[in-house]
Amino acid sequence: MMVRHAMLDDLDAIAAVEAACFPPAEAASREDFRRRLKAYPNHFWLMFADDDNGNDGSLISFVNGMTTDERDLADEMYEDASMHDENGAWQMVFGVNTMPEYRRHGYASAVLRQVIADAREQGRAGVVLTCKTEKIPFYARLGFVDEGVSDSTHGGVVWHQMRITF
């Protein structure tokens, strides 16, 4: 399975996976993704299941975000695609999604490793994401450091900001 960047044609699949992975209060809408894909499709990393012929099958995992010089991930970044700066120092990660039936096989880790490698190759300062408390050990295994509870109120839950600095 390979990881590739998104195209606008991937919109419906992306929105469907997001809806399967996050509760409605936390999930981005189809329109949110449409705006993001128009502004920064190369900051979506998609993994597809191989079909019987070795071609891309269904979308099983993806990571999306934007780049900015802002050091911390802020809730308004989710809504405002114009905050993206292609030359920004930090790769922000908005969501790490894996279809429930494909979890615990290393797919999200593989996609995140690609995000980290791309950010490093692009000369970014690092990668920033937020996660729920129970996910801290998962991200820590990939090298992220917990910076404590974030200011985020997204979805009405508590988020920890985590960072990898290069």
N, C-alpha and C. Protein backbone atom coordinates (compact mmCIF):
# COMPACT_ATOMS: atom_id res chain seq x y z
N MET A 1 0.84 -1.17 0.00
CA MET A 1 0.00 0.00 0.00
C MET A 1 0.88 1.24 0.00
N MET A 2 0.54 2.14 -0.87
CA MET A 2 1.31 3.38 -0.99
C MET A 2 0.51 4.54 -0.44
N VAL A 3 1.23 5.57 -0.09
CA VAL A 3 0.62 6.81 0.38
C VAL A 3 0.79 7.84 -0.73
N ARG A 4 -0.29 8.55 -1.04
CA ARG A 4 -0.22 9.61 -2.05
C ARG A 4 -0.97 10.83 -1.55
N HIS A 5 -0.73 11.95 -2.21
CA HIS A 5 -1.45 13.18 -1.88
C HIS A 5 -2.84 13.14 -2.50
N ALA A 6 -3.70 14.00 -2.01
CA ALA A 6 -5.10 14.01 -2.42
C ALA A 6 -5.33 14.86 -3.66
N MET A 7 -6.45 14.57 -4.29
CA MET A 7 -6.99 15.37 -5.39
C MET A 7 -8.44 15.69 -5.03
N LEU A 8 -9.00 16.68 -5.67
CA LEU A 8 -10.39 17.03 -5.39
C LEU A 8 -11.32 15.84 -5.64
N ASP A 9 -10.96 14.95 -6.56
CA ASP A 9 -11.75 13.75 -6.83
C ASP A 9 -11.86 12.83 -5.62
N ASP A 10 -10.97 12.99 -4.65
CA ASP A 10 -10.98 12.16 -3.44
C ASP A 10 -11.94 12.68 -2.37
N LEU A 11 -12.58 13.80 -2.63
CA LEU A 11 -13.40 14.48 -1.62
C LEU A 11 -14.43 13.57 -0.96
N ASP A 12 -15.23 12.86 -1.74
CA ASP A 12 -16.29 12.03 -1.15
C ASP A 12 -15.71 10.93 -0.27
N ALA A 13 -14.63 10.30 -0.70
CA ALA A 13 -14.01 9.23 0.09
C ALA A 13 -13.45 9.79 1.39
N ILE A 14 -12.81 10.95 1.32
CA ILE A 14 -12.24 11.59 2.51
C ILE A 14 -13.35 11.91 3.52
N ALA A 15 -14.43 12.52 3.03
CA ALA A 15 -15.54 12.88 3.92
C ALA A 15 -16.17 11.64 4.54
N ALA A 16 -16.28 10.56 3.79
CA ALA A 16 -16.88 9.32 4.31
C ALA A 16 -16.00 8.71 5.40
N VAL A 17 -14.69 8.69 5.20
CA VAL A 17 -13.79 8.14 6.21
C VAL A 17 -13.83 9.00 7.47
N GLU A 18 -13.81 10.31 7.31
CA GLU A 18 -13.89 11.21 8.47
C GLU A 18 -15.16 10.94 9.27
N ALA A 19 -16.28 10.78 8.60
CA ALA A 19 -17.55 10.54 9.28
C ALA A 19 -17.54 9.20 10.03
N ALA A 20 -16.80 8.23 9.52
CA ALA A 20 -16.70 6.92 10.17
C ALA A 20 -15.74 6.94 11.36
N CYS A 21 -14.86 7.93 11.40
CA CYS A 21 -13.80 7.95 12.41
C CYS A 21 -14.04 8.90 13.58
N PHE A 22 -14.82 9.94 13.37
CA PHE A 22 -15.00 10.95 14.42
C PHE A 22 -16.49 11.19 14.68
N PRO A 23 -16.84 11.50 15.93
CA PRO A 23 -18.23 11.87 16.20
C PRO A 23 -18.56 13.19 15.50
N PRO A 24 -19.84 13.44 15.23
CA PRO A 24 -20.22 14.65 14.48
C PRO A 24 -19.66 15.96 15.02
N ALA A 25 -19.55 16.12 16.33
CA ALA A 25 -19.05 17.37 16.91
C ALA A 25 -17.57 17.59 16.60
N GLU A 26 -16.84 16.52 16.29
CA GLU A 26 -15.41 16.62 16.02
C GLU A 26 -15.07 16.50 14.54
N ALA A 27 -15.94 15.92 13.75
CA ALA A 27 -15.66 15.63 12.35
C ALA A 27 -15.73 16.89 11.49
N ALA A 28 -14.81 16.98 10.55
CA ALA A 28 -14.87 18.04 9.54
C ALA A 28 -15.97 17.69 8.55
N SER A 29 -16.58 18.70 7.99
CA SER A 29 -17.66 18.48 7.02
C SER A 29 -17.07 18.30 5.62
N ARG A 30 -17.91 17.84 4.73
CA ARG A 30 -17.51 17.72 3.32
C ARG A 30 -17.06 19.09 2.79
N GLU A 31 -17.79 20.14 3.15
CA GLU A 31 -17.44 21.48 2.70
C GLU A 31 -16.10 21.93 3.28
N ASP A 32 -15.82 21.60 4.56
CA ASP A 32 -14.50 21.89 5.14
C ASP A 32 -13.40 21.24 4.30
N PHE A 33 -13.60 19.98 3.97
CA PHE A 33 -12.59 19.28 3.18
C PHE A 33 -12.46 19.84 1.77
N ARG A 34 -13.58 20.27 1.19
CA ARG A 34 -13.51 20.86 -0.15
C ARG A 34 -12.63 22.12 -0.11
N ARG A 35 -12.83 22.97 0.88
CA ARG A 35 -12.01 24.18 1.02
C ARG A 35 -10.53 23.82 1.23
N ARG A 36 -10.29 22.85 2.08
CA ARG A 36 -8.91 22.44 2.35
C ARG A 36 -8.25 21.85 1.10
N LEU A 37 -8.97 21.01 0.39
CA LEU A 37 -8.40 20.39 -0.81
C LEU A 37 -8.10 21.43 -1.89
N LYS A 38 -8.91 22.46 -1.98
CA LYS A 38 -8.64 23.52 -2.96
C LYS A 38 -7.41 24.33 -2.55
N ALA A 39 -7.19 24.50 -1.25
CA ALA A 39 -6.10 25.34 -0.77
C ALA A 39 -4.78 24.59 -0.61
N TYR A 40 -4.83 23.33 -0.17
CA TYR A 40 -3.58 22.61 0.11
C TYR A 40 -3.72 21.09 -0.03
N PRO A 41 -3.99 20.60 -1.24
CA PRO A 41 -4.15 19.16 -1.44
C PRO A 41 -2.87 18.36 -1.13
N ASN A 42 -1.72 19.00 -1.24
CA ASN A 42 -0.47 18.30 -0.96
C ASN A 42 -0.19 18.18 0.54
N HIS A 43 -1.16 18.58 1.37
CA HIS A 43 -1.05 18.38 2.81
C HIS A 43 -2.14 17.41 3.30
N PHE A 44 -2.54 16.55 2.37
CA PHE A 44 -3.38 15.38 2.63
C PHE A 44 -2.56 14.17 2.19
N TRP A 45 -2.44 13.21 3.06
CA TRP A 45 -1.74 11.96 2.75
C TRP A 45 -2.76 10.85 2.86
N LEU A 46 -2.97 10.12 1.75
CA LEU A 46 -4.01 9.11 1.66
C LEU A 46 -3.41 7.72 1.46
N MET A 47 -3.97 6.73 2.16
CA MET A 47 -3.58 5.34 1.96
C MET A 47 -4.83 4.56 1.54
N PHE A 48 -4.68 3.80 0.48
CA PHE A 48 -5.78 3.00 -0.06
C PHE A 48 -5.46 1.53 0.09
N ALA A 49 -6.51 0.72 0.25
CA ALA A 49 -6.34 -0.72 0.22
C ALA A 49 -6.08 -1.13 -1.22
N ASP A 50 -5.17 -2.07 -1.43
CA ASP A 50 -4.93 -2.58 -2.78
C ASP A 50 -6.11 -3.44 -3.19
N ASP A 51 -6.55 -3.26 -4.44
CA ASP A 51 -7.59 -4.15 -4.92
C ASP A 51 -6.95 -5.43 -5.48
N ASP A 52 -7.74 -6.32 -6.01
CA ASP A 52 -7.23 -7.61 -6.50
C ASP A 52 -6.24 -7.48 -7.64
N ASN A 53 -6.26 -6.34 -8.34
CA ASN A 53 -5.35 -6.12 -9.46
C ASN A 53 -4.15 -5.26 -9.09
N GLY A 54 -3.98 -4.98 -7.80
CA GLY A 54 -2.86 -4.16 -7.36
C GLY A 54 -3.08 -2.66 -7.51
N ASN A 55 -4.31 -2.27 -7.84
CA ASN A 55 -4.63 -0.86 -7.99
C ASN A 55 -5.18 -0.31 -6.69
N ASP A 56 -5.27 1.02 -6.60
CA ASP A 56 -5.87 1.64 -5.43
C ASP A 56 -7.31 1.19 -5.29
N GLY A 57 -7.65 0.67 -4.11
CA GLY A 57 -9.01 0.31 -3.80
C GLY A 57 -9.64 1.41 -2.98
N SER A 58 -10.25 1.04 -1.87
CA SER A 58 -10.92 2.03 -1.04
C SER A 58 -9.95 2.75 -0.11
N LEU A 59 -10.29 3.98 0.22
CA LEU A 59 -9.50 4.77 1.15
C LEU A 59 -9.64 4.15 2.53
N ILE A 60 -8.51 3.84 3.17
CA ILE A 60 -8.56 3.22 4.49
C ILE A 60 -7.97 4.10 5.59
N SER A 61 -7.09 5.03 5.22
CA SER A 61 -6.45 5.87 6.23
C SER A 61 -5.99 7.17 5.58
N PHE A 62 -6.07 8.25 6.33
CA PHE A 62 -5.51 9.50 5.82
C PHE A 62 -5.17 10.44 6.97
N VAL A 63 -4.26 11.36 6.67
CA VAL A 63 -3.87 12.45 7.56
C VAL A 63 -4.00 13.73 6.76
N ASN A 64 -4.50 14.77 7.39
CA ASN A 64 -4.58 16.06 6.71
C ASN A 64 -4.21 17.17 7.67
N GLY A 65 -3.75 18.28 7.10
CA GLY A 65 -3.37 19.43 7.88
C GLY A 65 -2.96 20.57 6.97
N MET A 66 -2.28 21.53 7.54
CA MET A 66 -1.81 22.69 6.79
C MET A 66 -0.47 23.12 7.36
N THR A 67 0.20 24.03 6.68
CA THR A 67 1.45 24.57 7.22
C THR A 67 1.28 26.04 7.55
N THR A 68 2.01 26.46 8.57
CA THR A 68 1.89 27.82 9.09
C THR A 68 3.14 28.16 9.89
N ASP A 69 3.35 29.43 10.10
CA ASP A 69 4.42 29.87 11.00
C ASP A 69 3.93 29.94 12.44
N GLU A 70 2.63 29.80 12.65
CA GLU A 70 2.10 29.76 14.02
C GLU A 70 2.65 28.52 14.71
N ARG A 71 3.07 28.65 15.93
CA ARG A 71 3.70 27.55 16.65
C ARG A 71 2.70 26.54 17.21
N ASP A 72 1.49 27.01 17.53
CA ASP A 72 0.47 26.15 18.16
C ASP A 72 -0.73 25.98 17.25
N LEU A 73 -1.32 24.79 17.31
CA LEU A 73 -2.50 24.50 16.52
C LEU A 73 -3.70 25.19 17.18
N ALA A 74 -4.39 26.00 16.42
CA ALA A 74 -5.54 26.76 16.93
C ALA A 74 -6.82 26.29 16.23
N ASP A 75 -7.92 26.32 16.95
CA ASP A 75 -9.20 25.85 16.41
C ASP A 75 -9.58 26.54 15.11
N GLU A 76 -9.28 27.83 14.97
CA GLU A 76 -9.68 28.54 13.75
C GLU A 76 -8.99 28.00 12.50
N MET A 77 -7.88 27.31 12.66
CA MET A 77 -7.18 26.74 11.50
C MET A 77 -8.03 25.69 10.80
N TYR A 78 -8.86 24.98 11.57
CA TYR A 78 -9.72 23.94 10.98
C TYR A 78 -10.71 24.54 9.98
N GLU A 79 -11.18 25.73 10.26
CA GLU A 79 -12.23 26.36 9.46
C GLU A 79 -11.70 27.28 8.37
N ASP A 80 -10.53 27.86 8.57
CA ASP A 80 -10.06 28.93 7.69
C ASP A 80 -8.85 28.47 6.87
N ALA A 81 -9.11 27.96 5.68
CA ALA A 81 -8.05 27.45 4.81
C ALA A 81 -7.08 28.55 4.40
N SER A 82 -7.50 29.81 4.49
CA SER A 82 -6.61 30.91 4.10
C SER A 82 -5.46 31.09 5.10
N MET A 83 -5.52 30.45 6.24
CA MET A 83 -4.43 30.54 7.21
C MET A 83 -3.23 29.70 6.80
N HIS A 84 -3.39 28.86 5.79
CA HIS A 84 -2.30 28.03 5.28
C HIS A 84 -1.23 28.91 4.65
N ASP A 85 0.01 28.61 4.98
CA ASP A 85 1.17 29.26 4.36
C ASP A 85 2.08 28.14 3.87
N GLU A 86 2.16 27.99 2.56
CA GLU A 86 2.92 26.87 1.99
C GLU A 86 4.37 26.86 2.47
N ASN A 87 4.90 28.01 2.84
CA ASN A 87 6.27 28.08 3.33
C ASN A 87 6.35 28.09 4.85
N GLY A 88 5.25 27.81 5.52
CA GLY A 88 5.20 27.84 6.97
C GLY A 88 6.17 26.86 7.62
N ALA A 89 6.62 27.21 8.80
CA ALA A 89 7.61 26.42 9.53
C ALA A 89 7.03 25.13 10.10
N TRP A 90 5.77 25.12 10.44
CA TRP A 90 5.18 23.99 11.14
C TRP A 90 4.13 23.28 10.30
N GLN A 91 4.23 21.96 10.23
CA GLN A 91 3.18 21.15 9.62
C GLN A 91 2.17 20.83 10.72
N MET A 92 0.98 21.39 10.60
CA MET A 92 -0.10 21.10 11.52
C MET A 92 -0.86 19.87 11.02
N VAL A 93 -1.28 19.02 11.93
CA VAL A 93 -2.08 17.85 11.60
C VAL A 93 -3.46 18.04 12.23
N PHE A 94 -4.48 18.05 11.37
CA PHE A 94 -5.85 18.24 11.84
C PHE A 94 -6.52 16.92 12.21
N GLY A 95 -6.17 15.88 11.49
CA GLY A 95 -6.84 14.62 11.75
C GLY A 95 -6.01 13.44 11.28
N VAL A 96 -6.08 12.38 12.05
CA VAL A 96 -5.48 11.09 11.69
C VAL A 96 -6.65 10.11 11.67
N ASN A 97 -6.95 9.59 10.51
CA ASN A 97 -8.15 8.78 10.30
C ASN A 97 -7.79 7.41 9.77
N THR A 98 -8.34 6.38 10.38
CA THR A 98 -8.24 5.02 9.84
C THR A 98 -9.60 4.36 10.03
N MET A 99 -10.11 3.78 8.96
CA MET A 99 -11.40 3.10 9.05
C MET A 99 -11.34 2.07 10.17
N PRO A 100 -12.40 1.96 10.97
CA PRO A 100 -12.38 1.06 12.13
C PRO A 100 -11.92 -0.36 11.83
N GLU A 101 -12.34 -0.91 10.72
CA GLU A 101 -11.97 -2.30 10.40
C GLU A 101 -10.50 -2.47 10.00
N TYR A 102 -9.79 -1.37 9.79
CA TYR A 102 -8.37 -1.42 9.41
C TYR A 102 -7.45 -0.97 10.55
N ARG A 103 -8.00 -0.67 11.71
CA ARG A 103 -7.18 -0.19 12.82
C ARG A 103 -6.34 -1.33 13.40
N ARG A 104 -5.26 -0.93 14.06
CA ARG A 104 -4.33 -1.85 14.74
C ARG A 104 -3.54 -2.73 13.77
N HIS A 105 -3.30 -2.18 12.56
CA HIS A 105 -2.46 -2.86 11.58
C HIS A 105 -1.27 -1.99 11.17
N GLY A 106 -1.11 -0.84 11.79
CA GLY A 106 0.02 0.04 11.50
C GLY A 106 -0.19 1.02 10.37
N TYR A 107 -1.40 1.11 9.84
CA TYR A 107 -1.64 2.00 8.71
C TYR A 107 -1.51 3.48 9.09
N ALA A 108 -2.12 3.89 10.20
CA ALA A 108 -2.02 5.29 10.63
C ALA A 108 -0.57 5.64 10.91
N SER A 109 0.16 4.73 11.54
CA SER A 109 1.59 4.97 11.81
C SER A 109 2.36 5.16 10.52
N ALA A 110 2.07 4.34 9.52
CA ALA A 110 2.76 4.45 8.24
C ALA A 110 2.48 5.79 7.57
N VAL A 111 1.22 6.22 7.60
CA VAL A 111 0.88 7.51 6.99
C VAL A 111 1.56 8.64 7.77
N LEU A 112 1.52 8.58 9.08
CA LEU A 112 2.16 9.63 9.89
C LEU A 112 3.67 9.66 9.66
N ARG A 113 4.30 8.51 9.51
CA ARG A 113 5.74 8.50 9.22
C ARG A 113 6.02 9.23 7.91
N GLN A 114 5.13 9.08 6.93
CA GLN A 114 5.30 9.79 5.66
C GLN A 114 5.13 11.30 5.87
N VAL A 115 4.15 11.69 6.66
CA VAL A 115 3.95 13.12 6.97
C VAL A 115 5.21 13.69 7.61
N ILE A 116 5.74 12.98 8.59
CA ILE A 116 6.95 13.43 9.30
C ILE A 116 8.12 13.51 8.34
N ALA A 117 8.30 12.50 7.52
CA ALA A 117 9.42 12.50 6.55
C ALA A 117 9.28 13.66 5.56
N ASP A 118 8.07 13.89 5.06
CA ASP A 118 7.85 14.99 4.11
C ASP A 118 8.13 16.33 4.77
N ALA A 119 7.65 16.52 5.99
CA ALA A 119 7.88 17.79 6.70
C ALA A 119 9.37 18.02 6.92
N ARG A 120 10.08 16.98 7.29
CA ARG A 120 11.53 17.10 7.49
C ARG A 120 12.22 17.45 6.17
N GLU A 121 11.85 16.75 5.11
CA GLU A 121 12.46 16.99 3.79
C GLU A 121 12.17 18.40 3.28
N GLN A 122 11.01 18.95 3.63
CA GLN A 122 10.62 20.29 3.20
C GLN A 122 11.25 21.38 4.06
N GLY A 123 12.04 20.99 5.05
CA GLY A 123 12.72 21.97 5.90
C GLY A 123 11.84 22.60 6.96
N ARG A 124 10.74 21.96 7.32
CA ARG A 124 9.87 22.48 8.36
C ARG A 124 10.58 22.38 9.73
N ALA A 125 10.09 23.13 10.69
CA ALA A 125 10.62 23.06 12.06
C ALA A 125 10.13 21.80 12.77
N GLY A 126 8.99 21.28 12.33
CA GLY A 126 8.44 20.08 12.94
C GLY A 126 6.98 19.90 12.60
N VAL A 127 6.33 18.99 13.36
CA VAL A 127 4.94 18.62 13.14
C VAL A 127 4.20 18.76 14.47
N VAL A 128 2.99 19.33 14.41
CA VAL A 128 2.18 19.57 15.60
C VAL A 128 0.80 18.96 15.38
N LEU A 129 0.26 18.33 16.42
CA LEU A 129 -1.10 17.81 16.38
C LEU A 129 -1.70 17.90 17.78
N THR A 130 -3.00 17.70 17.85
CA THR A 130 -3.65 17.56 19.14
C THR A 130 -4.33 16.21 19.18
N CYS A 131 -4.44 15.65 20.38
CA CYS A 131 -5.08 14.35 20.53
C CYS A 131 -5.73 14.25 21.90
N LYS A 132 -6.60 13.27 22.03
CA LYS A 132 -7.22 12.97 23.32
C LYS A 132 -6.20 12.24 24.20
N THR A 133 -6.40 12.31 25.49
CA THR A 133 -5.46 11.76 26.47
C THR A 133 -5.09 10.31 26.17
N GLU A 134 -6.06 9.49 25.82
CA GLU A 134 -5.80 8.07 25.61
C GLU A 134 -4.92 7.79 24.37
N LYS A 135 -4.78 8.76 23.49
CA LYS A 135 -3.96 8.59 22.28
C LYS A 135 -2.51 9.05 22.47
N ILE A 136 -2.20 9.66 23.61
CA ILE A 136 -0.83 10.17 23.84
C ILE A 136 0.22 9.08 23.64
N PRO A 137 0.06 7.88 24.21
CA PRO A 137 1.10 6.85 24.01
C PRO A 137 1.32 6.48 22.54
N PHE A 138 0.26 6.45 21.76
CA PHE A 138 0.40 6.14 20.33
C PHE A 138 1.31 7.16 19.64
N TYR A 139 1.01 8.43 19.84
CA TYR A 139 1.80 9.48 19.19
C TYR A 139 3.21 9.56 19.77
N ALA A 140 3.35 9.30 21.05
CA ALA A 140 4.68 9.30 21.67
C ALA A 140 5.58 8.24 21.04
N ARG A 141 5.03 7.10 20.67
CA ARG A 141 5.83 6.04 19.99
C ARG A 141 6.39 6.52 18.66
N LEU A 142 5.74 7.50 18.06
CA LEU A 142 6.21 8.04 16.78
C LEU A 142 7.16 9.22 16.98
N GLY A 143 7.41 9.60 18.24
CA GLY A 143 8.34 10.68 18.52
C GLY A 143 7.72 11.99 18.95
N PHE A 144 6.40 12.05 19.03
CA PHE A 144 5.73 13.28 19.46
C PHE A 144 5.89 13.43 20.98
N VAL A 145 6.03 14.67 21.42
CA VAL A 145 6.17 15.00 22.84
C VAL A 145 4.91 15.74 23.28
N ASP A 146 4.33 15.29 24.38
CA ASP A 146 3.12 15.91 24.93
C ASP A 146 3.50 17.25 25.57
N GLU A 147 2.88 18.32 25.10
CA GLU A 147 3.11 19.66 25.65
C GLU A 147 2.02 20.07 26.63
N GLY A 148 1.13 19.16 26.97
CA GLY A 148 0.07 19.46 27.91
C GLY A 148 -1.25 19.76 27.23
N VAL A 149 -2.21 20.13 28.04
CA VAL A 149 -3.56 20.39 27.54
C VAL A 149 -3.54 21.64 26.66
N SER A 150 -4.15 21.50 25.50
CA SER A 150 -4.25 22.56 24.51
C SER A 150 -5.35 23.55 24.89
N ASP A 151 -5.33 24.71 24.28
CA ASP A 151 -6.42 25.69 24.44
C ASP A 151 -7.65 25.31 23.61
N SER A 152 -7.55 24.28 22.82
CA SER A 152 -8.63 23.89 21.93
C SER A 152 -9.90 23.52 22.68
N THR A 153 -11.01 23.96 22.12
CA THR A 153 -12.33 23.57 22.62
C THR A 153 -13.08 22.78 21.54
N HIS A 154 -12.37 22.37 20.50
CA HIS A 154 -12.94 21.66 19.36
C HIS A 154 -13.73 20.43 19.83
N GLY A 155 -14.98 20.36 19.44
CA GLY A 155 -15.81 19.22 19.77
C GLY A 155 -16.19 19.10 21.23
N GLY A 156 -15.78 20.09 22.04
CA GLY A 156 -16.14 20.07 23.44
C GLY A 156 -15.40 19.03 24.26
N VAL A 157 -14.21 18.61 23.80
CA VAL A 157 -13.41 17.63 24.54
C VAL A 157 -12.04 18.20 24.88
N VAL A 158 -11.30 17.51 25.73
CA VAL A 158 -9.96 17.93 26.14
C VAL A 158 -8.95 17.38 25.14
N TRP A 159 -8.08 18.25 24.66
CA TRP A 159 -7.05 17.88 23.69
C TRP A 159 -5.67 18.20 24.28
N HIS A 160 -4.72 17.33 24.00
CA HIS A 160 -3.31 17.57 24.33
C HIS A 160 -2.58 17.96 23.06
N GLN A 161 -1.75 18.98 23.14
CA GLN A 161 -0.91 19.33 21.99
C GLN A 161 0.36 18.50 22.05
N MET A 162 0.70 17.92 20.90
CA MET A 162 1.90 17.10 20.79
C MET A 162 2.74 17.61 19.62
N ARG A 163 4.06 17.50 19.76
CA ARG A 163 4.96 18.10 18.78
C ARG A 163 6.19 17.22 18.56
N ILE A 164 6.61 17.17 17.31
CA ILE A 164 7.94 16.67 16.95
C ILE A 164 8.70 17.89 16.43
N THR A 165 9.86 18.13 16.99
CA THR A 165 10.72 19.22 16.53
C THR A 165 11.95 18.62 15.86
N PHE A 166 12.26 19.11 14.68
CA PHE A 166 13.44 18.60 13.95
C PHE A 166 14.68 19.37 14.34
